[in-house]
C-alpha atoms as a PDB file:
ATOM      1  CA  MET A   1     -40.734  13.693  -3.924  1.00  0.00           C
ATOM      2  CA  ARG A   2     -41.276  11.148  -1.148  1.00  0.00           C
ATOM      3  CA  LYS A   3     -39.605  12.029   2.172  1.00  0.00           C
ATOM      4  CA  ASP A   4     -38.673   9.003   4.261  1.00  0.00           C
ATOM      5  CA  PRO A   5     -37.806   9.364   7.952  1.00  0.00           C
ATOM      6  CA  PRO A   6     -34.051   9.233   8.531  1.00  0.00           C
ATOM      7  CA  PHE A   7     -32.532   5.889   9.386  1.00  0.00           C
ATOM      8  CA  GLU A   8     -31.178   5.382  12.871  1.00  0.00           C
ATOM      9  CA  GLU A   9     -27.573   4.218  12.929  1.00  0.00           C
ATOM     10  CA  HIS A  10     -28.442   0.787  14.337  1.00  0.00           C
ATOM     11  CA  ASP A  11     -30.967   0.334  11.505  1.00  0.00           C
ATOM     12  CA  LEU A  12     -28.215   0.799   8.961  1.00  0.00           C
ATOM     13  CA  VAL A  13     -26.247  -2.099  10.388  1.00  0.00           C
ATOM     14  CA  ALA A  14     -28.665  -4.552  11.961  1.00  0.00           C
ATOM     15  CA  ARG A  15     -31.704  -4.728   9.658  1.00  0.00           C
ATOM     16  CA  PRO A  16     -31.836  -6.888   6.520  1.00  0.00           C
ATOM     17  CA  ILE A  17     -31.477  -4.763   3.413  1.00  0.00           C
ATOM     18  CA  ARG A  18     -34.802  -6.034   2.099  1.00  0.00           C
ATOM     19  CA  ASP A  19     -36.548  -4.492   5.121  1.00  0.00           C
ATOM     20  CA  LEU A  20     -35.269  -0.965   4.495  1.00  0.00           C
ATOM     21  CA  GLY A  21     -38.040  -0.196   2.003  1.00  0.00           C
ATOM     22  CA  LEU A  22     -35.637   0.952  -0.694  1.00  0.00           C
ATOM     23  CA  ARG A  23     -36.884   1.858  -4.158  1.00  0.00           C
ATOM     24  CA  ILE A  24     -36.129   4.253  -6.982  1.00  0.00           C
ATOM     25  CA  GLU A  25     -39.534   5.944  -7.078  1.00  0.00           C
ATOM     26  CA  GLY A  26     -39.844   9.092  -5.000  1.00  0.00           C
ATOM     27  CA  THR A  27     -36.117   9.426  -4.317  1.00  0.00           C
ATOM     28  CA  THR A  28     -33.339  11.615  -5.702  1.00  0.00           C
ATOM     29  CA  LEU A  29     -32.526   8.717  -8.034  1.00  0.00           C
ATOM     30  CA  GLU A  30     -35.863   8.954  -9.827  1.00  0.00           C
ATOM     31  CA  PRO A  31     -35.249  12.164 -11.838  1.00  0.00           C
ATOM     32  CA  ILE A  32     -31.770  10.909 -12.770  1.00  0.00           C
ATOM     33  CA  VAL A  33     -33.216   7.633 -14.040  1.00  0.00           C
ATOM     34  CA  GLN A  34     -35.915   9.561 -15.919  1.00  0.00           C
ATOM     35  CA  THR A  35     -33.244  11.702 -17.580  1.00  0.00           C
ATOM     36  CA  PHE A  36     -31.445   8.524 -18.613  1.00  0.00           C
ATOM     37  CA  LEU A  37     -34.625   6.927 -19.988  1.00  0.00           C
ATOM     38  CA  ALA A  38     -35.286  10.087 -22.004  1.00  0.00           C
ATOM     39  CA  GLU A  39     -31.813   9.651 -23.514  1.00  0.00           C
ATOM     40  CA  VAL A  40     -32.710   6.028 -24.283  1.00  0.00           C
ATOM     41  CA  GLU A  41     -35.869   7.177 -26.087  1.00  0.00           C
ATOM     42  CA  ARG A  42     -33.722   9.288 -28.394  1.00  0.00           C
ATOM     43  CA  LEU A  43     -31.890   6.145 -29.500  1.00  0.00           C
ATOM     44  CA  GLU A  44     -35.143   5.107 -31.241  1.00  0.00           C
ATOM     45  CA  LEU A  45     -34.792   1.468 -30.256  1.00  0.00           C
ATOM     46  CA  PRO A  46     -38.038  -0.521 -29.842  1.00  0.00           C
ATOM     47  CA  PHE A  47     -37.558  -1.336 -26.156  1.00  0.00           C
ATOM     48  CA  ARG A  48     -36.564   0.216 -22.832  1.00  0.00           C
ATOM     49  CA  PRO A  49     -34.278  -1.233 -20.168  1.00  0.00           C
ATOM     50  CA  ARG A  50     -35.613  -1.922 -16.681  1.00  0.00           C
ATOM     51  CA  PRO A  51     -33.655  -0.153 -13.911  1.00  0.00           C
ATOM     52  CA  TYR A  52     -33.795  -1.689 -10.436  1.00  0.00           C
ATOM     53  CA  LEU A  53     -31.880  -1.627  -7.134  1.00  0.00           C
ATOM     54  CA  SER A  54     -29.342  -4.346  -6.360  1.00  0.00           C
ATOM     55  CA  THR A  55     -25.948  -4.802  -4.710  1.00  0.00           C
ATOM     56  CA  GLU A  56     -23.847  -3.211  -7.458  1.00  0.00           C
ATOM     57  CA  TRP A  57     -23.877  -1.798 -10.979  1.00  0.00           C
ATOM     58  CA  GLY A  58     -24.474  -4.362 -13.679  1.00  0.00           C
ATOM     59  CA  VAL A  59     -26.627  -6.015 -16.318  1.00  0.00           C
ATOM     60  CA  PRO A  60     -27.226  -9.748 -15.811  1.00  0.00           C
ATOM     61  CA  MET A  61     -26.031 -11.512 -18.952  1.00  0.00           C
ATOM     62  CA  GLY A  62     -28.908 -12.131 -21.331  1.00  0.00           C
ATOM     63  CA  THR A  63     -31.230  -9.499 -19.813  1.00  0.00           C
ATOM     64  CA  ILE A  64     -32.193  -5.872 -20.401  1.00  0.00           C
ATOM     65  CA  ALA A  65     -32.359  -5.058 -16.673  1.00  0.00           C
ATOM     66  CA  ILE A  66     -29.926  -2.501 -15.221  1.00  0.00           C
ATOM     67  CA  ALA A  67     -28.891  -2.985 -11.598  1.00  0.00           C
ATOM     68  CA  ILE A  68     -28.197   0.198  -9.636  1.00  0.00           C
ATOM     69  CA  PRO A  69     -26.424   0.004  -6.237  1.00  0.00           C
ATOM     70  CA  PHE A  70     -29.026   0.190  -3.457  1.00  0.00           C
ATOM     71  CA  TYR A  71     -26.906   2.596  -1.409  1.00  0.00           C
ATOM     72  CA  LEU A  72     -27.581   5.351  -3.971  1.00  0.00           C
ATOM     73  CA  ALA A  73     -31.291   5.348  -3.040  1.00  0.00           C
ATOM     74  CA  ARG A  74     -30.850   7.059   0.343  1.00  0.00           C
ATOM     75  CA  SER A  75     -28.347   9.717   1.398  1.00  0.00           C
ATOM     76  CA  GLU A  76     -27.638   7.938   4.707  1.00  0.00           C
ATOM     77  CA  LEU A  77     -26.712   4.763   2.860  1.00  0.00           C
ATOM     78  CA  THR A  78     -24.567   6.673   0.374  1.00  0.00           C
ATOM     79  CA  ALA A  79     -22.651   8.288   3.238  1.00  0.00           C
ATOM     80  CA  LEU A  80     -22.268   4.932   4.998  1.00  0.00           C
ATOM     81  CA  HIS A  81     -20.926   3.311   1.828  1.00  0.00           C
ATOM     82  CA  ALA A  82     -18.397   6.101   1.351  1.00  0.00           C
ATOM     83  CA  ARG A  83     -17.208   5.684   4.949  1.00  0.00           C
ATOM     84  CA  ARG A  84     -16.951   1.913   4.746  1.00  0.00           C
ATOM     85  CA  THR A  85     -15.319   1.612   1.306  1.00  0.00           C
ATOM     86  CA  GLY A  86     -13.700   4.994   0.640  1.00  0.00           C
ATOM     87  CA  HIS A  87     -15.182   5.110  -2.869  1.00  0.00           C
ATOM     88  CA  LEU A  88     -18.514   5.772  -4.595  1.00  0.00           C
ATOM     89  CA  GLU A  89     -19.489   4.577  -8.070  1.00  0.00           C
ATOM     90  CA  GLY A  90     -22.090   7.294  -8.537  1.00  0.00           C
ATOM     91  CA  ALA A  91     -20.941  10.267  -6.477  1.00  0.00           C
ATOM     92  CA  SER A  92     -23.181  12.775  -8.302  1.00  0.00           C
ATOM     93  CA  ALA A  93     -26.068  12.894 -10.760  1.00  0.00           C
ATOM     94  CA  ALA A  94     -23.628  13.268 -13.668  1.00  0.00           C
ATOM     95  CA  ASP A  95     -21.607  10.325 -12.381  1.00  0.00           C
ATOM     96  CA  ILE A  96     -24.702   8.117 -12.065  1.00  0.00           C
ATOM     97  CA  LEU A  97     -25.637   8.962 -15.654  1.00  0.00           C
ATOM     98  CA  ARG A  98     -22.163   7.912 -16.781  1.00  0.00           C
ATOM     99  CA  TYR A  99     -22.668   4.500 -15.200  1.00  0.00           C
ATOM    100  CA  LEU A 100     -26.192   4.178 -16.622  1.00  0.00           C
ATOM    101  CA  ARG A 101     -24.966   4.881 -20.155  1.00  0.00           C
ATOM    102  CA  HIS A 102     -22.243   2.287 -19.713  1.00  0.00           C
ATOM    103  CA  GLU A 103     -24.780  -0.298 -18.537  1.00  0.00           C
ATOM    104  CA  MET A 104     -27.036   0.579 -21.491  1.00  0.00           C
ATOM    105  CA  GLY A 105     -24.157  -0.532 -23.701  1.00  0.00           C
ATOM    106  CA  HIS A 106     -24.364  -3.971 -22.120  1.00  0.00           C
ATOM    107  CA  VAL A 107     -28.163  -3.966 -22.542  1.00  0.00           C
ATOM    108  CA  VAL A 108     -27.933  -3.299 -26.279  1.00  0.00           C
ATOM    109  CA  ASN A 109     -25.144  -5.837 -26.669  1.00  0.00           C
ATOM    110  CA  TYR A 110     -27.143  -8.595 -24.967  1.00  0.00           C
ATOM    111  CA  ALA A 111     -30.545  -7.658 -26.406  1.00  0.00           C
ATOM    112  CA  TYR A 112     -29.291  -7.918 -29.982  1.00  0.00           C
ATOM    113  CA  GLN A 113     -26.468 -10.389 -29.341  1.00  0.00           C
ATOM    114  CA  LEU A 114     -24.076  -8.060 -31.113  1.00  0.00           C
ATOM    115  CA  TYR A 115     -21.145  -9.947 -29.620  1.00  0.00           C
ATOM    116  CA  GLU A 116     -21.815 -12.743 -32.120  1.00  0.00           C
ATOM    117  CA  GLU A 117     -21.366 -10.520 -35.171  1.00  0.00           C
ATOM    118  CA  GLU A 118     -18.059 -10.716 -37.029  1.00  0.00           C
ATOM    119  CA  THR A 119     -17.563  -6.944 -37.215  1.00  0.00           C
ATOM    120  CA  TRP A 120     -18.065  -6.668 -33.437  1.00  0.00           C
ATOM    121  CA  ILE A 121     -15.586  -9.451 -32.738  1.00  0.00           C
ATOM    122  CA  ALA A 122     -13.050  -7.958 -35.164  1.00  0.00           C
ATOM    123  CA  SER A 123     -13.129  -4.615 -33.347  1.00  0.00           C
ATOM    124  CA  PHE A 124     -13.644  -5.614 -29.711  1.00  0.00           C
ATOM    125  CA  GLY A 125     -12.582  -9.264 -29.433  1.00  0.00           C
ATOM    126  CA  SER A 126     -14.326 -12.400 -28.233  1.00  0.00           C
ATOM    127  CA  ILE A 127     -16.824 -12.079 -25.411  1.00  0.00           C
ATOM    128  CA  THR A 128     -15.709 -15.541 -24.265  1.00  0.00           C
ATOM    129  CA  GLN A 129     -12.334 -14.102 -23.262  1.00  0.00           C
ATOM    130  CA  PRO A 130     -11.763 -14.750 -19.528  1.00  0.00           C
ATOM    131  CA  TYR A 131     -13.206 -11.996 -17.343  1.00  0.00           C
ATOM    132  CA  VAL A 132     -10.708 -11.129 -14.622  1.00  0.00           C
ATOM    133  CA  GLU A 133     -11.071  -8.563 -11.859  1.00  0.00           C
ATOM    134  CA  GLU A 134      -7.349  -7.766 -11.764  1.00  0.00           C
ATOM    135  CA  TYR A 135      -6.355  -6.331 -15.148  1.00  0.00           C
ATOM    136  CA  ARG A 136      -3.374  -4.225 -16.131  1.00  0.00           C
ATOM    137  CA  PRO A 137      -4.416  -1.254 -18.259  1.00  0.00           C
ATOM    138  CA  GLU A 138      -2.162   0.814 -20.450  1.00  0.00           C
ATOM    139  CA  PRO A 139      -2.910   4.424 -19.461  1.00  0.00           C
ATOM    140  CA  PHE A 140      -3.739   6.725 -22.370  1.00  0.00           C
ATOM    141  CA  SER A 141      -3.790   3.874 -24.891  1.00  0.00           C
ATOM    142  CA  ARG A 142      -5.236   5.242 -28.121  1.00  0.00           C
ATOM    143  CA  ARG A 143      -6.987   1.965 -28.832  1.00  0.00           C
ATOM    144  CA  PHE A 144      -9.672   2.595 -26.209  1.00  0.00           C
ATOM    145  CA  VAL A 145     -12.110   5.368 -25.288  1.00  0.00           C
ATOM    146  CA  ARG A 146     -12.110   7.026 -21.866  1.00  0.00           C
ATOM    147  CA  HIS A 147     -15.346   7.092 -19.927  1.00  0.00           C
ATOM    148  CA  LEU A 148     -15.440   5.414 -16.516  1.00  0.00           C
ATOM    149  CA  PRO A 149     -12.323   5.738 -14.344  1.00  0.00           C
ATOM    150  CA  GLY A 150      -9.569   3.157 -14.286  1.00  0.00           C
ATOM    151  CA  TRP A 151      -9.238   2.818 -18.097  1.00  0.00           C
ATOM    152  CA  TYR A 152     -12.172   0.452 -17.764  1.00  0.00           C
ATOM    153  CA  ALA A 153     -12.529  -0.212 -21.497  1.00  0.00           C
ATOM    154  CA  GLN A 154      -9.328  -2.260 -21.303  1.00  0.00           C
ATOM    155  CA  LYS A 155     -10.765  -4.797 -18.864  1.00  0.00           C
ATOM    156  CA  HIS A 156     -12.650  -7.043 -21.316  1.00  0.00           C
ATOM    157  CA  PRO A 157     -14.180  -6.871 -24.841  1.00  0.00           C
ATOM    158  CA  ASP A 158     -17.661  -6.551 -23.313  1.00  0.00           C
ATOM    159  CA  GLU A 159     -16.493  -3.532 -21.267  1.00  0.00           C
ATOM    160  CA  ASP A 160     -14.695  -2.076 -24.287  1.00  0.00           C
ATOM    161  CA  TRP A 161     -18.001  -2.086 -26.185  1.00  0.00           C
ATOM    162  CA  ALA A 162     -19.980  -0.705 -23.207  1.00  0.00           C
ATOM    163  CA  GLU A 163     -17.504   2.144 -22.731  1.00  0.00           C
ATOM    164  CA  THR A 164     -17.497   2.906 -26.463  1.00  0.00           C
ATOM    165  CA  PHE A 165     -21.302   2.903 -26.481  1.00  0.00           C
ATOM    166  CA  ALA A 166     -21.429   5.212 -23.449  1.00  0.00           C
ATOM    167  CA  VAL A 167     -19.158   7.781 -25.103  1.00  0.00           C
ATOM    168  CA  TRP A 168     -21.248   7.555 -28.283  1.00  0.00           C
ATOM    169  CA  MET A 169     -24.507   7.922 -26.321  1.00  0.00           C
ATOM    170  CA  THR A 170     -23.483  10.905 -24.169  1.00  0.00           C
ATOM    171  CA  PRO A 171     -25.524  13.976 -25.245  1.00  0.00           C
ATOM    172  CA  GLY A 172     -23.480  16.851 -26.635  1.00  0.00           C
ATOM    173  CA  ARG A 173     -20.229  14.886 -26.781  1.00  0.00           C
ATOM    174  CA  ASP A 174     -18.394  15.447 -30.061  1.00  0.00           C
ATOM    175  CA  TRP A 175     -16.684  12.083 -30.105  1.00  0.00           C
ATOM    176  CA  ARG A 176     -15.483  12.458 -33.682  1.00  0.00           C
ATOM    177  CA  ALA A 177     -13.476  15.547 -32.772  1.00  0.00           C
ATOM    178  CA  GLU A 178     -12.402  14.177 -29.384  1.00  0.00           C
ATOM    179  CA  TYR A 179     -10.970  10.970 -30.868  1.00  0.00           C
ATOM    180  CA  ALA A 180      -9.845  12.298 -34.257  1.00  0.00           C
ATOM    181  CA  ALA A 181      -6.208  11.545 -33.423  1.00  0.00           C
ATOM    182  CA  TRP A 182      -7.038   8.117 -31.952  1.00  0.00           C
ATOM    183  CA  PRO A 183      -7.864   6.100 -35.115  1.00  0.00           C
ATOM    184  CA  VAL A 184      -8.521   2.731 -33.437  1.00  0.00           C
ATOM    185  CA  ALA A 185     -10.822   4.158 -30.769  1.00  0.00           C
ATOM    186  CA  LEU A 186     -12.514   6.331 -33.398  1.00  0.00           C
ATOM    187  CA  GLY A 187     -13.077   3.274 -35.575  1.00  0.00           C
ATOM    188  CA  LYS A 188     -14.863   1.561 -32.685  1.00  0.00           C
ATOM    189  CA  LEU A 189     -17.071   4.614 -32.165  1.00  0.00           C
ATOM    190  CA  GLU A 190     -17.956   4.755 -35.851  1.00  0.00           C
ATOM    191  CA  LEU A 191     -18.799   1.038 -35.803  1.00  0.00           C
ATOM    192  CA  CYS A 192     -21.006   1.619 -32.749  1.00  0.00           C
ATOM    193  CA  ASP A 193     -22.746   4.466 -34.563  1.00  0.00           C
ATOM    194  CA  ARG A 194     -23.464   2.291 -37.607  1.00  0.00           C
ATOM    195  CA  MET A 195     -24.566  -0.708 -35.597  1.00  0.00           C
ATOM    196  CA  VAL A 196     -26.987   1.122 -33.302  1.00  0.00           C
ATOM    197  CA  ARG A 197     -28.501   3.117 -36.142  1.00  0.00           C
ATOM    198  CA  GLY A 198     -29.037  -0.167 -37.958  1.00  0.00           C
ATOM    199  CA  LEU A 199     -30.986  -1.551 -34.988  1.00  0.00           C
ATOM    200  CA  ARG A 200     -33.705   1.097 -35.107  1.00  0.00           C
ATOM    201  CA  GLY A 201     -37.050  -0.569 -35.715  1.00  0.00           C
ATOM    202  CA  ARG A 202     -35.554  -4.027 -35.280  1.00  0.00           C
ATOM    203  CA  PRO A 203     -37.035  -6.078 -32.406  1.00  0.00           C
ATOM    204  CA  PRO A 204     -34.392  -7.313 -29.953  1.00  0.00           C
ATOM    205  CA  ALA A 205     -33.589 -11.011 -29.821  1.00  0.00           C
ATOM    206  CA  LEU A 206     -33.792 -10.987 -26.011  1.00  0.00           C
ATOM    207  CA  THR A 207     -36.151  -9.020 -23.746  1.00  0.00           C
ATOM    208  CA  ASP A 208     -35.669 -10.885 -20.463  1.00  0.00           C
ATOM    209  CA  GLU A 209     -36.055  -8.633 -17.405  1.00  0.00           C
ATOM    210  CA  GLU A 210     -35.090 -11.192 -14.762  1.00  0.00           C
ATOM    211  CA  LEU A 211     -33.640  -9.337 -11.762  1.00  0.00           C
ATOM    212  CA  ASP A 212     -30.495 -10.558 -10.023  1.00  0.00           C
ATOM    213  CA  GLU A 213     -30.186  -9.831  -6.285  1.00  0.00           C
ATOM    214  CA  GLU A 214     -33.091  -7.383  -6.343  1.00  0.00           C
ATOM    215  CA  VAL A 215     -33.080  -5.195  -3.226  1.00  0.00           C
ATOM    216  CA  GLY A 216     -36.405  -6.551  -1.974  1.00  0.00           C
ATOM    217  CA  GLU A 217     -34.881 -10.033  -1.772  1.00  0.00           C
ATOM    218  CA  LEU A 218     -31.613  -9.204   0.016  1.00  0.00           C
ATOM    219  CA  ALA A 219     -31.760 -10.985   3.376  1.00  0.00           C
ATOM    220  CA  THR A 220     -28.241  -9.948   4.374  1.00  0.00           C
ATOM    221  CA  THR A 221     -27.822  -7.044   6.793  1.00  0.00           C
ATOM    222  CA  LEU A 222     -25.730  -4.001   6.034  1.00  0.00           C
ATOM    223  CA  GLY A 223     -23.333  -5.096   8.736  1.00  0.00           C
ATOM    224  CA  ASP A 224     -22.767  -8.384   6.932  1.00  0.00           C
ATOM    225  CA  TYR A 225     -22.682  -6.685   3.542  1.00  0.00           C
ATOM    226  CA  TYR A 226     -19.790  -4.432   4.568  1.00  0.00           C
ATOM    227  CA  ALA A 227     -18.059  -7.124   6.595  1.00  0.00           C
ATOM    228  CA  THR A 228     -17.245  -8.850   3.303  1.00  0.00           C
ATOM    229  CA  SER A 229     -15.381  -5.739   2.118  1.00  0.00           C
ATOM    230  CA  GLY A 230     -13.112  -5.467   5.151  1.00  0.00           C
ATOM    231  CA  VAL A 231      -9.556  -4.247   4.829  1.00  0.00           C
ATOM    232  CA  GLU A 232      -7.065  -6.981   3.985  1.00  0.00           C
ATOM    233  CA  GLU A 233      -3.673  -7.135   5.630  1.00  0.00           C
ATOM    234  CA  LEU A 234      -0.732  -5.898   3.565  1.00  0.00           C
ATOM    235  CA  ALA A 235       2.691  -7.447   3.915  1.00  0.00           C
ATOM    236  CA  GLU A 236       5.622  -5.291   4.911  1.00  0.00           C
ATOM    237  CA  LEU A 237       6.901  -3.054   2.126  1.00  0.00           C
ATOM    238  CA  PRO A 238      10.666  -2.552   2.425  1.00  0.00           C
ATOM    239  CA  GLY A 239      11.619   1.095   2.118  1.00  0.00           C
ATOM    240  CA  ILE A 240       8.140   2.456   2.852  1.00  0.00           C
ATOM    241  CA  ASP A 241       9.127   3.790   6.264  1.00  0.00           C
ATOM    242  CA  GLY A 242      11.851   5.879   4.663  1.00  0.00           C
ATOM    243  CA  ALA A 243       9.452   7.142   2.013  1.00  0.00           C
ATOM    244  CA  LEU A 244       6.980   8.206   4.686  1.00  0.00           C
ATOM    245  CA  ARG A 245       9.733   9.999   6.609  1.00  0.00           C
ATOM    246  CA  SER A 246      10.575  11.983   3.477  1.00  0.00           C
ATOM    247  CA  VAL A 247       6.945  13.157   3.255  1.00  0.00           C
ATOM    248  CA  PHE A 248       6.359  13.761   6.969  1.00  0.00           C
ATOM    249  CA  ASP A 249       9.680  14.929   8.352  1.00  0.00           C
ATOM    250  CA  GLU A 250       8.541  17.267  11.136  1.00  0.00           C
ATOM    251  CA  SER A 251       9.041  16.642  14.865  1.00  0.00           C
ATOM    252  CA  ALA A 252       5.715  18.236  15.810  1.00  0.00           C
ATOM    253  CA  GLY A 253       2.396  19.279  14.305  1.00  0.00           C
ATOM    254  CA  THR A 254      -0.578  17.239  13.089  1.00  0.00           C
ATOM    255  CA  PRO A 255      -0.028  13.482  13.368  1.00  0.00           C
ATOM    256  CA  ALA A 256       0.775  12.155   9.898  1.00  0.00           C
ATOM    257  CA  ALA A 257      -1.660   9.262  10.352  1.00  0.00           C
ATOM    258  CA  GLU A 258      -4.511  11.778  10.690  1.00  0.00           C
ATOM    259  CA  VAL A 259      -3.438  13.590   7.512  1.00  0.00           C
ATOM    260  CA  ILE A 260      -3.301  10.321   5.585  1.00  0.00           C
ATOM    261  CA  GLY A 261      -6.740   9.294   6.846  1.00  0.00           C
ATOM    262  CA  ALA A 262      -8.306  12.636   5.942  1.00  0.00           C
ATOM    263  CA  ALA A 263      -6.780  12.661   2.449  1.00  0.00           C
ATOM    264  CA  SER A 264      -7.546   9.029   1.635  1.00  0.00           C
ATOM    265  CA  ALA A 265     -10.915   9.437  -0.113  1.00  0.00           C
ATOM    266  CA  GLY A 266      -9.607  11.915  -2.675  1.00  0.00           C
ATOM    267  CA  ILE A 267      -6.451   9.904  -3.265  1.00  0.00           C
ATOM    268  CA  ILE A 268      -8.395   6.656  -3.778  1.00  0.00           C
ATOM    269  CA  ASP A 269     -10.594   8.201  -6.475  1.00  0.00           C
ATOM    270  CA  GLY A 270      -7.716   9.886  -8.270  1.00  0.00           C
ATOM    271  CA  VAL A 271      -5.468   6.825  -8.232  1.00  0.00           C
ATOM    272  CA  PHE A 272      -8.273   4.645  -9.609  1.00  0.00           C
ATOM    273  CA  ARG A 273      -9.022   7.103 -12.413  1.00  0.00           C
ATOM    274  CA  TRP A 274      -5.453   7.510 -13.616  1.00  0.00           C
ATOM    275  CA  THR A 275      -3.760   4.189 -12.828  1.00  0.00           C
ATOM    276  CA  GLY A 276      -6.561   1.606 -12.857  1.00  0.00           C
ATOM    277  CA  LEU A 277      -5.710   0.262  -9.386  1.00  0.00           C
ATOM    278  CA  PHE A 278      -9.043  -0.644  -7.860  1.00  0.00           C
ATOM    279  CA  PRO A 279     -10.219   1.454  -4.900  1.00  0.00           C
ATOM    280  CA  GLU A 280     -10.182  -1.412  -2.404  1.00  0.00           C
ATOM    281  CA  ARG A 281      -6.497  -2.035  -3.171  1.00  0.00           C
ATOM    282  CA  THR A 282      -5.573   1.626  -2.757  1.00  0.00           C
ATOM    283  CA  ARG A 283      -7.619   1.768   0.438  1.00  0.00           C
ATOM    284  CA  THR A 284      -5.626  -1.164   1.839  1.00  0.00           C
ATOM    285  CA  LEU A 285      -2.358   0.529   0.858  1.00  0.00           C
ATOM    286  CA  LEU A 286      -3.363   3.806   2.509  1.00  0.00           C
ATOM    287  CA  ARG A 287      -4.437   2.019   5.677  1.00  0.00           C
ATOM    288  CA  HIS A 288      -0.997   0.389   5.749  1.00  0.00           C
ATOM    289  CA  LEU A 289       0.715   3.772   5.323  1.00  0.00           C
ATOM    290  CA  GLU A 290      -1.494   5.226   8.043  1.00  0.00           C
ATOM    291  CA  THR A 291      -0.556   2.390  10.413  1.00  0.00           C
ATOM    292  CA  ARG A 292       3.156   2.778   9.687  1.00  0.00           C
ATOM    293  CA  ALA A 293       3.029   6.572  10.127  1.00  0.00           C
ATOM    294  CA  ARG A 294       1.377   6.101  13.524  1.00  0.00           C
ATOM    295  CA  ALA A 295       3.922   3.479  14.564  1.00  0.00           C
ATOM    296  CA  LEU A 296       6.806   5.737  13.526  1.00  0.00           C
ATOM    297  CA  GLY A 297       5.357   8.743  15.361  1.00  0.00           C
ATOM    298  CA  LEU A 298       5.482  10.973  12.265  1.00  0.00           C
ATOM    299  CA  PHE A 299       4.055  14.487  12.105  1.00  0.00           C
ATOM    300  CA  CYS A 300       3.010  16.890   9.375  1.00  0.00           C
ATOM    301  CA  GLY A 301       4.251  20.473   9.529  1.00  0.00           C
ATOM    302  CA  PRO A 302       2.325  23.611   8.546  1.00  0.00           C
ATOM    303  CA  ASP A 303       2.494  22.836   4.813  1.00  0.00           C
ATOM    304  CA  GLU A 304      -0.179  20.138   4.962  1.00  0.00           C
ATOM    305  CA  ARG A 305      -1.216  20.711   1.357  1.00  0.00           C
ATOM    306  CA  GLY A 306       2.324  20.082   0.143  1.00  0.00           C
ATOM    307  CA  ALA A 307       2.534  16.916   2.225  1.00  0.00           C
ATOM    308  CA  VAL A 308      -0.712  15.616   0.714  1.00  0.00           C
ATOM    309  CA  VAL A 309       0.614  16.320  -2.789  1.00  0.00           C
ATOM    310  CA  SER A 310       3.765  14.339  -1.985  1.00  0.00           C
ATOM    311  CA  LEU A 311       1.713  11.552  -0.423  1.00  0.00           C
ATOM    312  CA  THR A 312      -0.485  11.385  -3.532  1.00  0.00           C
ATOM    313  CA  ALA A 313       2.589  11.148  -5.762  1.00  0.00           C
ATOM    314  CA  LEU A 314       3.994   8.356  -3.574  1.00  0.00           C
ATOM    315  CA  VAL A 315       0.759   6.345  -3.644  1.00  0.00           C
ATOM    316  CA  THR A 316       0.397   6.869  -7.417  1.00  0.00           C
ATOM    317  CA  ALA A 317       3.946   5.611  -8.016  1.00  0.00           C
ATOM    318  CA  LEU A 318       3.275   2.538  -5.876  1.00  0.00           C
ATOM    319  CA  ALA A 319      -0.039   1.966  -7.654  1.00  0.00           C
ATOM    320  CA  MET A 320       1.572   2.115 -11.088  1.00  0.00           C
ATOM    321  CA  ASN A 321       4.140  -0.445  -9.981  1.00  0.00           C
ATOM    322  CA  GLN A 322       1.321  -2.727  -8.848  1.00  0.00           C
ATOM    323  CA  VAL A 323      -0.666  -2.283 -12.073  1.00  0.00           C
ATOM    324  CA  VAL A 324       2.254  -2.652 -14.482  1.00  0.00           C
ATOM    325  CA  LYS A 325       4.536  -5.089 -12.640  1.00  0.00           C
ATOM    326  CA  GLY A 326       2.228  -6.825 -10.196  1.00  0.00           C
ATOM    327  CA  SER A 327       3.943  -5.563  -7.050  1.00  0.00           C
ATOM    328  CA  TYR A 328       4.113  -2.246  -5.193  1.00  0.00           C
ATOM    329  CA  LEU A 329       7.893  -2.605  -4.826  1.00  0.00           C
ATOM    330  CA  PRO A 330       9.106  -4.914  -7.631  1.00  0.00           C
END
């Protein structure tokens, strides 16, 4: 495996991304991508997707090219992304494979234009439905499979199919047993099984590999890239100060703001998985709580673990309010 010299910190911020020499080959990503492509071979479809590095996960509409976030190609960039955003979409090899299987669902959908077939539309809906970033999922709905965090299948018909496909594609996953008591979700999986098996030996309608925002063309610097994901300001939340006092009610010990900051990464991931509130929103909320705890001079006593549990419950309750009712404190 190729060993690149470590980046200097100023390189990570000041140089254009295209000048960082990033690629999949020879990195820790390569064996993961090869594992994924071996799974694709077992589908027995007459084409292979083209993985490449870009700004985020995705498949450009009408192509069979899978974009992988560039920051997963080097450990320094992965660590920087985690620090700057508080969340990683691909925190481990298993996690990266989950995202790749999801994106393969989009590839198959676009390659064969499945979204135009009546049976697809009847089960998943119209692909022309507006695609919105802010959606309000129904946790544990039995109409949708569970794969990526945030009840992602509920975002849009295209994502519903991609999530269903990913569950179906996952090696060793007994989806029939797992979803036996979820008849609607099971019906989607069985439709996926029939449709993909019916595609074997059939040439795809589209084989375009046009790359969108390929890493070698990204003129923006990392500093600029992360500047666009800065923390937004959050308006005052009446009653939050009292809630924080009930969690951190000691007169001495570790500053509560430090405890909140240290616990944030784990809370962000968990809240996204179980409520659907996007990580950047939870990050903003936690920064607000951290600021208020510092302003109030709050401390955490010796039971730091218990305080973090209470903090997590508080943030989850606020997140569910936001997801269901559109406001942290309706």
